[in-house]
Amino acid sequence: EKQRENAILEQEKATLQQQVESLRQNVRQSNERQQELEERLDATAAATEELRHVLRQSEEVLNIPSRDIQLTTQKLGKGSYGEVRIAYWQGCPVAVKMLYEALAGSL
């Protein structure tokens, strides 16, 4: 009877040890996944900050001398204050807002 109880206890002990090892492996995998996600989050935060910086810079008004702009006749749109045309600056296509002459003189 005692041997039988010991055998059962040993079997239960082995089962519990397997469960503990399985749980440890799950914890290790979870920790690795957490580390990976934290690294991705850090990279995303850095990229987001860089994009915010670029956006802030792009929102600043550029005062470029008209001699540096090659204006085209192609209109992108117009409004009550002027029209927007395609132009080229340093070889790159840009949009230029041109005020109507009557308004431009009053500014």
PDB file of N, CA and C in Angstrom:
ATOM      1  N   GLU A   1       0.832  -1.199   0.000  1.00  0.00           N
ATOM      2  CA  GLU A   1       0.000   0.000   0.000  1.00  0.00           C
ATOM      3  C   GLU A   1       0.872   1.256   0.000  1.00  0.00           C
ATOM      4  N   LYS A   2       1.882   1.282   0.822  1.00  0.00           N
ATOM      5  CA  LYS A   2       2.783   2.440   0.922  1.00  0.00           C
ATOM      6  C   LYS A   2       3.504   2.675  -0.404  1.00  0.00           C
ATOM      7  N   GLN A   3       3.912   1.599  -1.078  1.00  0.00           N
ATOM      8  CA  GLN A   3       4.597   1.721  -2.361  1.00  0.00           C
ATOM      9  C   GLN A   3       3.666   2.320  -3.415  1.00  0.00           C
ATOM     10  N   ARG A   4       2.436   1.876  -3.339  1.00  0.00           N
ATOM     11  CA  ARG A   4       1.443   2.389  -4.294  1.00  0.00           C
ATOM     12  C   ARG A   4       1.224   3.891  -4.079  1.00  0.00           C
ATOM     13  N   GLU A   5       1.107   4.331  -2.844  1.00  0.00           N
ATOM     14  CA  GLU A   5       0.949   5.753  -2.531  1.00  0.00           C
ATOM     15  C   GLU A   5       2.171   6.542  -2.985  1.00  0.00           C
ATOM     16  N   ASN A   6       3.357   5.987  -2.760  1.00  0.00           N
ATOM     17  CA  ASN A   6       4.592   6.659  -3.204  1.00  0.00           C
ATOM     18  C   ASN A   6       4.641   6.791  -4.721  1.00  0.00           C
ATOM     19  N   ALA A   7       4.207   5.755  -5.409  1.00  0.00           N
ATOM     20  CA  ALA A   7       4.198   5.783  -6.878  1.00  0.00           C
ATOM     21  C   ALA A   7       3.238   6.862  -7.380  1.00  0.00           C
ATOM     22  N   ILE A   8       2.076   6.937  -6.744  1.00  0.00           N
ATOM     23  CA  ILE A   8       1.092   7.962  -7.125  1.00  0.00           C
ATOM     24  C   ILE A   8       1.650   9.354  -6.844  1.00  0.00           C
ATOM     25  N   LEU A   9       2.257   9.515  -5.682  1.00  0.00           N
ATOM     26  CA  LEU A   9       2.847  10.813  -5.335  1.00  0.00           C
ATOM     27  C   LEU A   9       3.971  11.197  -6.303  1.00  0.00           C
ATOM     28  N   GLU A  10       4.794  10.231  -6.684  1.00  0.00           N
ATOM     29  CA  GLU A  10       5.872  10.496  -7.642  1.00  0.00           C
ATOM     30  C   GLU A  10       5.311  10.896  -9.005  1.00  0.00           C
ATOM     31  N   GLN A  11       4.233  10.233  -9.383  1.00  0.00           N
ATOM     32  CA  GLN A  11       3.601  10.563 -10.661  1.00  0.00           C
ATOM     33  C   GLN A  11       3.007  11.974 -10.612  1.00  0.00           C
ATOM     34  N   GLU A  12       2.346  12.302  -9.519  1.00  0.00           N
ATOM     35  CA  GLU A  12       1.791  13.650  -9.346  1.00  0.00           C
ATOM     36  C   GLU A  12       2.904  14.690  -9.324  1.00  0.00           C
ATOM     37  N   LYS A  13       4.016  14.348  -8.655  1.00  0.00           N
ATOM     38  CA  LYS A  13       5.164  15.255  -8.592  1.00  0.00           C
ATOM     39  C   LYS A  13       5.719  15.501  -9.992  1.00  0.00           C
ATOM     40  N   ALA A  14       5.856  14.447 -10.788  1.00  0.00           N
ATOM     41  CA  ALA A  14       6.367  14.579 -12.156  1.00  0.00           C
ATOM     42  C   ALA A  14       5.424  15.433 -13.004  1.00  0.00           C
ATOM     43  N   THR A  15       4.131  15.205 -12.838  1.00  0.00           N
ATOM     44  CA  THR A  15       3.134  15.998 -13.573  1.00  0.00           C
ATOM     45  C   THR A  15       3.232  17.470 -13.187  1.00  0.00           C
ATOM     46  N   LEU A  16       3.338  17.738 -11.894  1.00  0.00           N
ATOM     47  CA  LEU A  16       3.460  19.122 -11.424  1.00  0.00           C
ATOM     48  C   LEU A  16       4.748  19.762 -11.912  1.00  0.00           C
ATOM     49  N   GLN A  17       5.829  19.006 -11.934  1.00  0.00           N
ATOM     50  CA  GLN A  17       7.092  19.547 -12.442  1.00  0.00           C
ATOM     51  C   GLN A  17       6.982  19.895 -13.922  1.00  0.00           C
ATOM     52  N   GLN A  18       6.290  19.057 -14.689  1.00  0.00           N
ATOM     53  CA  GLN A  18       6.070  19.358 -16.105  1.00  0.00           C
ATOM     54  C   GLN A  18       5.235  20.623 -16.271  1.00  0.00           C
ATOM     55  N   GLN A  19       4.218  20.750 -15.436  1.00  0.00           N
ATOM     56  CA  GLN A  19       3.366  21.943 -15.504  1.00  0.00           C
ATOM     57  C   GLN A  19       4.159  23.190 -15.141  1.00  0.00           C
ATOM     58  N   VAL A  20       5.003  23.085 -14.109  1.00  0.00           N
ATOM     59  CA  VAL A  20       5.828  24.225 -13.706  1.00  0.00           C
ATOM     60  C   VAL A  20       6.781  24.604 -14.840  1.00  0.00           C
ATOM     61  N   GLU A  21       7.411  23.614 -15.462  1.00  0.00           N
ATOM     62  CA  GLU A  21       8.332  23.893 -16.562  1.00  0.00           C
ATOM     63  C   GLU A  21       7.592  24.518 -17.741  1.00  0.00           C
ATOM     64  N   SER A  22       6.407  24.029 -18.016  1.00  0.00           N
ATOM     65  CA  SER A  22       5.596  24.599 -19.092  1.00  0.00           C
ATOM     66  C   SER A  22       5.242  26.056 -18.784  1.00  0.00           C
ATOM     67  N   LEU A  23       4.862  26.330 -17.541  1.00  0.00           N
ATOM     68  CA  LEU A  23       4.548  27.699 -17.131  1.00  0.00           C
ATOM     69  C   LEU A  23       5.776  28.601 -17.228  1.00  0.00           C
ATOM     70  N   ARG A  24       6.941  28.077 -16.825  1.00  0.00           N
ATOM     71  CA  ARG A  24       8.183  28.859 -16.938  1.00  0.00           C
ATOM     72  C   ARG A  24       8.478  29.195 -18.396  1.00  0.00           C
ATOM     73  N   GLN A  25       8.263  28.221 -19.267  1.00  0.00           N
ATOM     74  CA  GLN A  25       8.488  28.463 -20.690  1.00  0.00           C
ATOM     75  C   GLN A  25       7.518  29.513 -21.215  1.00  0.00           C
ATOM     76  N   ASN A  26       6.269  29.439 -20.798  1.00  0.00           N
ATOM     77  CA  ASN A  26       5.279  30.446 -21.201  1.00  0.00           C
ATOM     78  C   ASN A  26       5.674  31.835 -20.706  1.00  0.00           C
ATOM     79  N   VAL A  27       6.164  31.914 -19.475  1.00  0.00           N
ATOM     80  CA  VAL A  27       6.597  33.199 -18.925  1.00  0.00           C
ATOM     81  C   VAL A  27       7.775  33.746 -19.732  1.00  0.00           C
ATOM     82  N   ARG A  28       8.744  32.867 -20.064  1.00  0.00           N
ATOM     83  CA  ARG A  28       9.887  33.311 -20.870  1.00  0.00           C
ATOM     84  C   ARG A  28       9.428  33.836 -22.220  1.00  0.00           C
ATOM     85  N   GLN A  29       8.533  33.112 -22.861  1.00  0.00           N
ATOM     86  CA  GLN A  29       8.016  33.545 -24.161  1.00  0.00           C
ATOM     87  C   GLN A  29       7.256  34.863 -24.033  1.00  0.00           C
ATOM     88  N   SER A  30       6.476  34.996 -22.977  1.00  0.00           N
ATOM     89  CA  SER A  30       5.741  36.249 -22.748  1.00  0.00           C
ATOM     90  C   SER A  30       6.694  37.406 -22.519  1.00  0.00           C
ATOM     91  N   ASN A  31       7.748  37.159 -21.750  1.00  0.00           N
ATOM     92  CA  ASN A  31       8.737  38.209 -21.506  1.00  0.00           C
ATOM     93  C   ASN A  31       9.454  38.612 -22.785  1.00  0.00           C
ATOM     94  N   GLU A  32       9.784  37.621 -23.624  1.00  0.00           N
ATOM     95  CA  GLU A  32      10.421  37.929 -24.905  1.00  0.00           C
ATOM     96  C   GLU A  32       9.487  38.733 -25.791  1.00  0.00           C
ATOM     97  N   ARG A  33       8.225  38.349 -25.824  1.00  0.00           N
ATOM     98  CA  ARG A  33       7.229  39.078 -26.632  1.00  0.00           C
ATOM     99  C   ARG A  33       7.044  40.490 -26.095  1.00  0.00           C
ATOM    100  N   GLN A  34       7.017  40.626 -24.779  1.00  0.00           N
ATOM    101  CA  GLN A  34       6.882  41.948 -24.183  1.00  0.00           C
ATOM    102  C   GLN A  34       8.077  42.818 -24.558  1.00  0.00           C
ATOM    103  N   GLN A  35       9.278  42.258 -24.490  1.00  0.00           N
ATOM    104  CA  GLN A  35      10.484  43.003 -24.855  1.00  0.00           C
ATOM    105  C   GLN A  35      10.421  43.443 -26.316  1.00  0.00           C
ATOM    106  N   GLU A  36       9.992  42.531 -27.176  1.00  0.00           N
ATOM    107  CA  GLU A  36       9.867  42.844 -28.601  1.00  0.00           C
ATOM    108  C   GLU A  36       8.864  43.979 -28.819  1.00  0.00           C
ATOM    109  N   LEU A  37       7.727  43.890 -28.142  1.00  0.00           N
ATOM    110  CA  LEU A  37       6.704  44.927 -28.288  1.00  0.00           C
ATOM    111  C   LEU A  37       7.168  46.268 -27.735  1.00  0.00           C
ATOM    112  N   GLU A  38       7.903  46.243 -26.627  1.00  0.00           N
ATOM    113  CA  GLU A  38       8.431  47.484 -26.067  1.00  0.00           C
ATOM    114  C   GLU A  38       9.436  48.122 -27.018  1.00  0.00           C
ATOM    115  N   GLU A  39      10.257  47.300 -27.659  1.00  0.00           N
ATOM    116  CA  GLU A  39      11.215  47.834 -28.633  1.00  0.00           C
ATOM    117  C   GLU A  39      10.492  48.438 -29.824  1.00  0.00           C
ATOM    118  N   ARG A  40       9.446  47.745 -30.288  1.00  0.00           N
ATOM    119  CA  ARG A  40       8.670  48.282 -31.408  1.00  0.00           C
ATOM    120  C   ARG A  40       7.956  49.568 -31.005  1.00  0.00           C
ATOM    121  N   LEU A  41       7.457  49.614 -29.778  1.00  0.00           N
ATOM    122  CA  LEU A  41       6.799  50.820 -29.288  1.00  0.00           C
ATOM    123  C   LEU A  41       7.785  51.981 -29.218  1.00  0.00           C
ATOM    124  N   ASP A  42       8.992  51.713 -28.721  1.00  0.00           N
ATOM    125  CA  ASP A  42      10.022  52.757 -28.666  1.00  0.00           C
ATOM    126  C   ASP A  42      10.357  53.261 -30.063  1.00  0.00           C
ATOM    127  N   ALA A  43      10.502  52.330 -31.020  1.00  0.00           N
ATOM    128  CA  ALA A  43      10.809  52.722 -32.392  1.00  0.00           C
ATOM    129  C   ALA A  43       9.663  53.535 -32.994  1.00  0.00           C
ATOM    130  N   THR A  44       8.438  53.127 -32.703  1.00  0.00           N
ATOM    131  CA  THR A  44       7.274  53.849 -33.206  1.00  0.00           C
ATOM    132  C   THR A  44       7.195  55.248 -32.590  1.00  0.00           C
ATOM    133  N   ALA A  45       7.490  55.340 -31.304  1.00  0.00           N
ATOM    134  CA  ALA A  45       7.466  56.644 -30.638  1.00  0.00           C
ATOM    135  C   ALA A  45       8.534  57.557 -31.231  1.00  0.00           C
ATOM    136  N   ALA A  46       9.715  57.010 -31.501  1.00  0.00           N
ATOM    137  CA  ALA A  46      10.787  57.815 -32.093  1.00  0.00           C
ATOM    138  C   ALA A  46      10.393  58.270 -33.494  1.00  0.00           C
ATOM    139  N   ALA A  47       9.812  57.375 -34.273  1.00  0.00           N
ATOM    140  CA  ALA A  47       9.384  57.733 -35.628  1.00  0.00           C
ATOM    141  C   ALA A  47       8.268  58.771 -35.588  1.00  0.00           C
ATOM    142  N   THR A  48       7.359  58.625 -34.637  1.00  0.00           N
ATOM    143  CA  THR A  48       6.275  59.595 -34.493  1.00  0.00           C
ATOM    144  C   THR A  48       6.817  60.969 -34.146  1.00  0.00           C
ATOM    145  N   GLU A  49       7.782  61.012 -33.250  1.00  0.00           N
ATOM    146  CA  GLU A  49       8.377  62.300 -32.875  1.00  0.00           C
ATOM    147  C   GLU A  49       9.093  62.935 -34.060  1.00  0.00           C
ATOM    148  N   GLU A  50       9.782  62.112 -34.839  1.00  0.00           N
ATOM    149  CA  GLU A  50      10.463  62.624 -36.039  1.00  0.00           C
ATOM    150  C   GLU A  50       9.444  63.172 -37.032  1.00  0.00           C
ATOM    151  N   LEU A  51       8.329  62.457 -37.213  1.00  0.00           N
ATOM    152  CA  LEU A  51       7.283  62.946 -38.116  1.00  0.00           C
ATOM    153  C   LEU A  51       6.673  64.247 -37.605  1.00  0.00           C
ATOM    154  N   ARG A  52       6.485  64.351 -36.303  1.00  0.00           N
ATOM    155  CA  ARG A  52       5.969  65.612 -35.742  1.00  0.00           C
ATOM    156  C   ARG A  52       6.927  66.755 -36.007  1.00  0.00           C
ATOM    157  N   HIS A  53       8.213  66.472 -35.861  1.00  0.00           N
ATOM    158  CA  HIS A  53       9.231  67.494 -36.116  1.00  0.00           C
ATOM    159  C   HIS A  53       9.183  67.936 -37.581  1.00  0.00           C
ATOM    160  N   VAL A  54       9.105  66.975 -38.490  1.00  0.00           N
ATOM    161  CA  VAL A  54       9.032  67.290 -39.925  1.00  0.00           C
ATOM    162  C   VAL A  54       7.762  68.070 -40.222  1.00  0.00           C
ATOM    163  N   LEU A  55       6.659  67.672 -39.604  1.00  0.00           N
ATOM    164  CA  LEU A  55       5.397  68.367 -39.822  1.00  0.00           C
ATOM    165  C   LEU A  55       5.480  69.810 -39.336  1.00  0.00           C
ATOM    166  N   ARG A  56       6.071  70.004 -38.147  1.00  0.00           N
ATOM    167  CA  ARG A  56       6.213  71.382 -37.645  1.00  0.00           C
ATOM    168  C   ARG A  56       7.054  72.220 -38.602  1.00  0.00           C
ATOM    169  N   GLN A  57       8.109  71.620 -39.130  1.00  0.00           N
ATOM    170  CA  GLN A  57       8.957  72.356 -40.075  1.00  0.00           C
ATOM    171  C   GLN A  57       8.193  72.659 -41.354  1.00  0.00           C
ATOM    172  N   SER A  58       7.391  71.701 -41.827  1.00  0.00           N
ATOM    173  CA  SER A  58       6.685  71.908 -43.088  1.00  0.00           C
ATOM    174  C   SER A  58       5.567  72.932 -42.946  1.00  0.00           C
ATOM    175  N   GLU A  59       5.099  73.156 -41.731  1.00  0.00           N
ATOM    176  CA  GLU A  59       4.037  74.130 -41.516  1.00  0.00           C
ATOM    177  C   GLU A  59       4.566  75.565 -41.499  1.00  0.00           C
ATOM    178  N   GLU A  60       5.866  75.703 -41.363  1.00  0.00           N
ATOM    179  CA  GLU A  60       6.439  77.042 -41.382  1.00  0.00           C
ATOM    180  C   GLU A  60       6.322  77.605 -42.788  1.00  0.00           C
ATOM    181  N   VAL A  61       6.071  78.892 -42.880  1.00  0.00           N
ATOM    182  CA  VAL A  61       5.943  79.549 -44.179  1.00  0.00           C
ATOM    183  C   VAL A  61       7.332  79.795 -44.742  1.00  0.00           C
ATOM    184  N   LEU A  62       7.494  79.394 -45.976  1.00  0.00           N
ATOM    185  CA  LEU A  62       8.758  79.655 -46.656  1.00  0.00           C
ATOM    186  C   LEU A  62       8.601  80.900 -47.515  1.00  0.00           C
ATOM    187  N   ASN A  63       9.478  81.823 -47.339  1.00  0.00           N
ATOM    188  CA  ASN A  63       9.511  82.997 -48.198  1.00  0.00           C
ATOM    189  C   ASN A  63      10.642  82.801 -49.182  1.00  0.00           C
ATOM    190  N   ILE A  64      10.285  82.330 -50.359  1.00  0.00           N
ATOM    191  CA  ILE A  64      11.266  82.038 -51.397  1.00  0.00           C
ATOM    192  C   ILE A  64      11.202  83.154 -52.428  1.00  0.00           C
ATOM    193  N   PRO A  65      12.339  83.709 -52.793  1.00  0.00           N
ATOM    194  CA  PRO A  65      12.325  84.766 -53.819  1.00  0.00           C
ATOM    195  C   PRO A  65      11.690  84.260 -55.113  1.00  0.00           C
ATOM    196  N   SER A  66      10.901  85.114 -55.744  1.00  0.00           N
ATOM    197  CA  SER A  66      10.195  84.708 -56.966  1.00  0.00           C
ATOM    198  C   SER A  66      11.162  84.310 -58.080  1.00  0.00           C
ATOM    199  N   ARG A  67      12.383  84.838 -58.060  1.00  0.00           N
ATOM    200  CA  ARG A  67      13.357  84.478 -59.099  1.00  0.00           C
ATOM    201  C   ARG A  67      13.777  83.010 -59.002  1.00  0.00           C
ATOM    202  N   ASP A  68      13.542  82.390 -57.843  1.00  0.00           N
ATOM    203  CA  ASP A  68      13.918  80.990 -57.644  1.00  0.00           C
ATOM    204  C   ASP A  68      12.806  80.009 -58.020  1.00  0.00           C
ATOM    205  N   ILE A  69      11.654  80.562 -58.438  1.00  0.00           N
ATOM    206  CA  ILE A  69      10.485  79.738 -58.757  1.00  0.00           C
ATOM    207  C   ILE A  69      10.251  79.766 -60.259  1.00  0.00           C
ATOM    208  N   GLN A  70      10.059  78.581 -60.825  1.00  0.00           N
ATOM    209  CA  GLN A  70       9.666  78.490 -62.243  1.00  0.00           C
ATOM    210  C   GLN A  70       8.169  78.178 -62.270  1.00  0.00           C
ATOM    211  N   LEU A  71       7.386  79.206 -62.482  1.00  0.00           N
ATOM    212  CA  LEU A  71       5.935  79.108 -62.436  1.00  0.00           C
ATOM    213  C   LEU A  71       5.408  78.487 -63.734  1.00  0.00           C
ATOM    214  N   THR A  72       4.391  77.648 -63.625  1.00  0.00           N
ATOM    215  CA  THR A  72       3.719  77.091 -64.800  1.00  0.00           C
ATOM    216  C   THR A  72       2.345  77.737 -64.922  1.00  0.00           C
ATOM    217  N   THR A  73       1.658  77.432 -65.994  1.00  0.00           N
ATOM    218  CA  THR A  73       0.298  77.960 -66.172  1.00  0.00           C
ATOM    219  C   THR A  73      -0.754  76.976 -65.658  1.00  0.00           C
ATOM    220  N   GLN A  74      -0.314  75.820 -65.188  1.00  0.00           N
ATOM    221  CA  GLN A  74      -1.246  74.791 -64.723  1.00  0.00           C
ATOM    222  C   GLN A  74      -1.812  75.149 -63.350  1.00  0.00           C
ATOM    223  N   LYS A  75      -3.133  75.336 -63.288  1.00  0.00           N
ATOM    224  CA  LYS A  75      -3.804  75.703 -62.042  1.00  0.00           C
ATOM    225  C   LYS A  75      -4.253  74.453 -61.293  1.00  0.00           C
ATOM    226  N   LEU A  76      -4.053  74.485 -59.989  1.00  0.00           N
ATOM    227  CA  LEU A  76      -4.551  73.408 -59.129  1.00  0.00           C
ATOM    228  C   LEU A  76      -5.886  73.777 -58.510  1.00  0.00           C
ATOM    229  N   GLY A  77      -6.119  75.070 -58.343  1.00  0.00           N
ATOM    230  CA  GLY A  77      -7.367  75.508 -57.735  1.00  0.00           C
ATOM    231  C   GLY A  77      -7.385  77.013 -57.586  1.00  0.00           C
ATOM    232  N   LYS A  78      -8.529  77.522 -57.167  1.00  0.00           N
ATOM    233  CA  LYS A  78      -8.623  78.963 -56.930  1.00  0.00           C
ATOM    234  C   LYS A  78      -9.634  79.220 -55.836  1.00  0.00           C
ATOM    235  N   GLY A  79      -9.472  80.371 -55.197  1.00  0.00           N
ATOM    236  CA  GLY A  79     -10.364  80.754 -54.120  1.00  0.00           C
ATOM    237  C   GLY A  79     -10.606  82.247 -54.163  1.00  0.00           C
ATOM    238  N   SER A  80     -11.120  82.793 -53.070  1.00  0.00           N
ATOM    239  CA  SER A  80     -11.476  84.210 -53.059  1.00  0.00           C
ATOM    240  C   SER A  80     -10.254  85.120 -52.990  1.00  0.00           C
ATOM    241  N   TYR A  81      -9.114  84.604 -52.527  1.00  0.00           N
ATOM    242  CA  TYR A  81      -7.916  85.431 -52.402  1.00  0.00           C
ATOM    243  C   TYR A  81      -6.897  85.223 -53.505  1.00  0.00           C
ATOM    244  N   GLY A  82      -7.009  84.134 -54.217  1.00  0.00           N
ATOM    245  CA  GLY A  82      -6.027  83.882 -55.257  1.00  0.00           C
ATOM    246  C   GLY A  82      -6.179  82.488 -55.826  1.00  0.00           C
ATOM    247  N   GLU A  83      -5.140  82.064 -56.537  1.00  0.00           N
ATOM    248  CA  GLU A  83      -5.161  80.745 -57.140  1.00  0.00           C
ATOM    249  C   GLU A  83      -3.876  80.002 -56.807  1.00  0.00           C
ATOM    250  N   VAL A  84      -3.952  78.697 -56.924  1.00  0.00           N
ATOM    251  CA  VAL A  84      -2.793  77.851 -56.646  1.00  0.00           C
ATOM    252  C   VAL A  84      -2.351  77.226 -57.963  1.00  0.00           C
ATOM    253  N   ARG A  85      -1.059  77.383 -58.246  1.00  0.00           N
ATOM    254  CA  ARG A  85      -0.502  76.846 -59.490  1.00  0.00           C
ATOM    255  C   ARG A  85       0.656  75.901 -59.183  1.00  0.00           C
ATOM    256  N   ILE A  86       0.931  75.046 -60.146  1.00  0.00           N
ATOM    257  CA  ILE A  86       2.118  74.205 -60.059  1.00  0.00           C
ATOM    258  C   ILE A  86       3.316  75.045 -60.487  1.00  0.00           C
ATOM    259  N   ALA A  87       4.391  74.892 -59.737  1.00  0.00           N
ATOM    260  CA  ALA A  87       5.638  75.578 -60.066  1.00  0.00           C
ATOM    261  C   ALA A  87       6.780  74.614 -59.745  1.00  0.00           C
ATOM    262  N   TYR A  88       7.977  75.030 -60.053  1.00  0.00           N
ATOM    263  CA  TYR A  88       9.154  74.218 -59.732  1.00  0.00           C
ATOM    264  C   TYR A  88      10.132  75.063 -58.941  1.00  0.00           C
ATOM    265  N   TRP A  89      10.623  74.479 -57.874  1.00  0.00           N
ATOM    266  CA  TRP A  89      11.625  75.120 -57.034  1.00  0.00           C
ATOM    267  C   TRP A  89      12.739  74.108 -56.825  1.00  0.00           C
ATOM    268  N   GLN A  90      13.921  74.486 -57.204  1.00  0.00           N
ATOM    269  CA  GLN A  90      15.099  73.608 -57.127  1.00  0.00           C
ATOM    270  C   GLN A  90      14.827  72.269 -57.806  1.00  0.00           C
ATOM    271  N   GLY A  91      14.084  72.322 -58.919  1.00  0.00           N
ATOM    272  CA  GLY A  91      13.803  71.120 -59.695  1.00  0.00           C
ATOM    273  C   GLY A  91      12.664  70.275 -59.161  1.00  0.00           C
ATOM    274  N   CYS A  92      12.063  70.670 -58.059  1.00  0.00           N
ATOM    275  CA  CYS A  92      10.972  69.897 -57.452  1.00  0.00           C
ATOM    276  C   CYS A  92       9.637  70.581 -57.705  1.00  0.00           C
ATOM    277  N   PRO A  93       8.609  69.807 -58.030  1.00  0.00           N
ATOM    278  CA  PRO A  93       7.289  70.418 -58.193  1.00  0.00           C
ATOM    279  C   PRO A  93       6.755  70.893 -56.841  1.00  0.00           C
ATOM    280  N   VAL A  94       6.210  72.089 -56.837  1.00  0.00           N
ATOM    281  CA  VAL A  94       5.630  72.673 -55.627  1.00  0.00           C
ATOM    282  C   VAL A  94       4.323  73.356 -55.994  1.00  0.00           C
ATOM    283  N   ALA A  95       3.522  73.639 -54.984  1.00  0.00           N
ATOM    284  CA  ALA A  95       2.299  74.409 -55.180  1.00  0.00           C
ATOM    285  C   ALA A  95       2.563  75.825 -54.704  1.00  0.00           C
ATOM    286  N   VAL A  96       2.151  76.787 -55.526  1.00  0.00           N
ATOM    287  CA  VAL A  96       2.361  78.199 -55.195  1.00  0.00           C
ATOM    288  C   VAL A  96       1.012  78.894 -55.167  1.00  0.00           C
ATOM    289  N   LYS A  97       0.746  79.565 -54.055  1.00  0.00           N
ATOM    290  CA  LYS A  97      -0.485  80.344 -53.967  1.00  0.00           C
ATOM    291  C   LYS A  97      -0.173  81.751 -54.436  1.00  0.00           C
ATOM    292  N   MET A  98      -0.920  82.202 -55.425  1.00  0.00           N
ATOM    293  CA  MET A  98      -0.724  83.536 -55.985  1.00  0.00           C
ATOM    294  C   MET A  98      -1.955  84.371 -55.665  1.00  0.00           C
ATOM    295  N   LEU A  99      -1.722  85.472 -54.973  1.00  0.00           N
ATOM    296  CA  LEU A  99      -2.827  86.365 -54.624  1.00  0.00           C
ATOM    297  C   LEU A  99      -3.285  87.130 -55.848  1.00  0.00           C
ATOM    298  N   TYR A 100      -4.583  87.425 -55.900  1.00  0.00           N
ATOM    299  CA  TYR A 100      -5.096  88.254 -56.982  1.00  0.00           C
ATOM    300  C   TYR A 100      -4.483  89.647 -56.873  1.00  0.00           C
ATOM    301  N   GLU A 101      -4.235  90.273 -57.987  1.00  0.00           N
ATOM    302  CA  GLU A 101      -3.513  91.548 -58.025  1.00  0.00           C
ATOM    303  C   GLU A 101      -4.169  92.629 -57.170  1.00  0.00           C
ATOM    304  N   ALA A 102      -5.468  92.725 -57.176  1.00  0.00           N
ATOM    305  CA  ALA A 102      -6.157  93.758 -56.414  1.00  0.00           C
ATOM    306  C   ALA A 102      -5.887  93.600 -54.918  1.00  0.00           C
ATOM    307  N   LEU A 103      -5.847  92.376 -54.454  1.00  0.00           N
ATOM    308  CA  LEU A 103      -5.597  92.128 -53.054  1.00  0.00           C
ATOM    309  C   LEU A 103      -4.113  92.246 -52.740  1.00  0.00           C
ATOM    310  N   ALA A 104      -3.266  91.793 -53.639  1.00  0.00           N
ATOM    311  CA  ALA A 104      -1.826  91.800 -53.393  1.00  0.00           C
ATOM    312  C   ALA A 104      -1.314  93.222 -53.171  1.00  0.00           C
ATOM    313  N   GLY A 105      -1.882  94.174 -53.879  1.00  0.00           N
ATOM    314  CA  GLY A 105      -1.449  95.563 -53.726  1.00  0.00           C
ATOM    315  C   GLY A 105      -1.839  96.153 -52.385  1.00  0.00           C
ATOM    316  N   SER A 106      -2.896  95.649 -51.763  1.00  0.00           N
ATOM    317  CA  SER A 106      -3.343  96.198 -50.481  1.00  0.00           C
ATOM    318  C   SER A 106      -2.627  95.570 -49.299  1.00  0.00           C
ATOM    319  N   LEU A 107      -1.808  94.556 -49.523  1.00  0.00           N
ATOM    320  CA  LEU A 107      -1.116  93.903 -48.426  1.00  0.00           C
ATOM    321  C   LEU A 107       0.146  94.586 -48.188  1.00  0.00           C
TER     322      LEU A 107
END
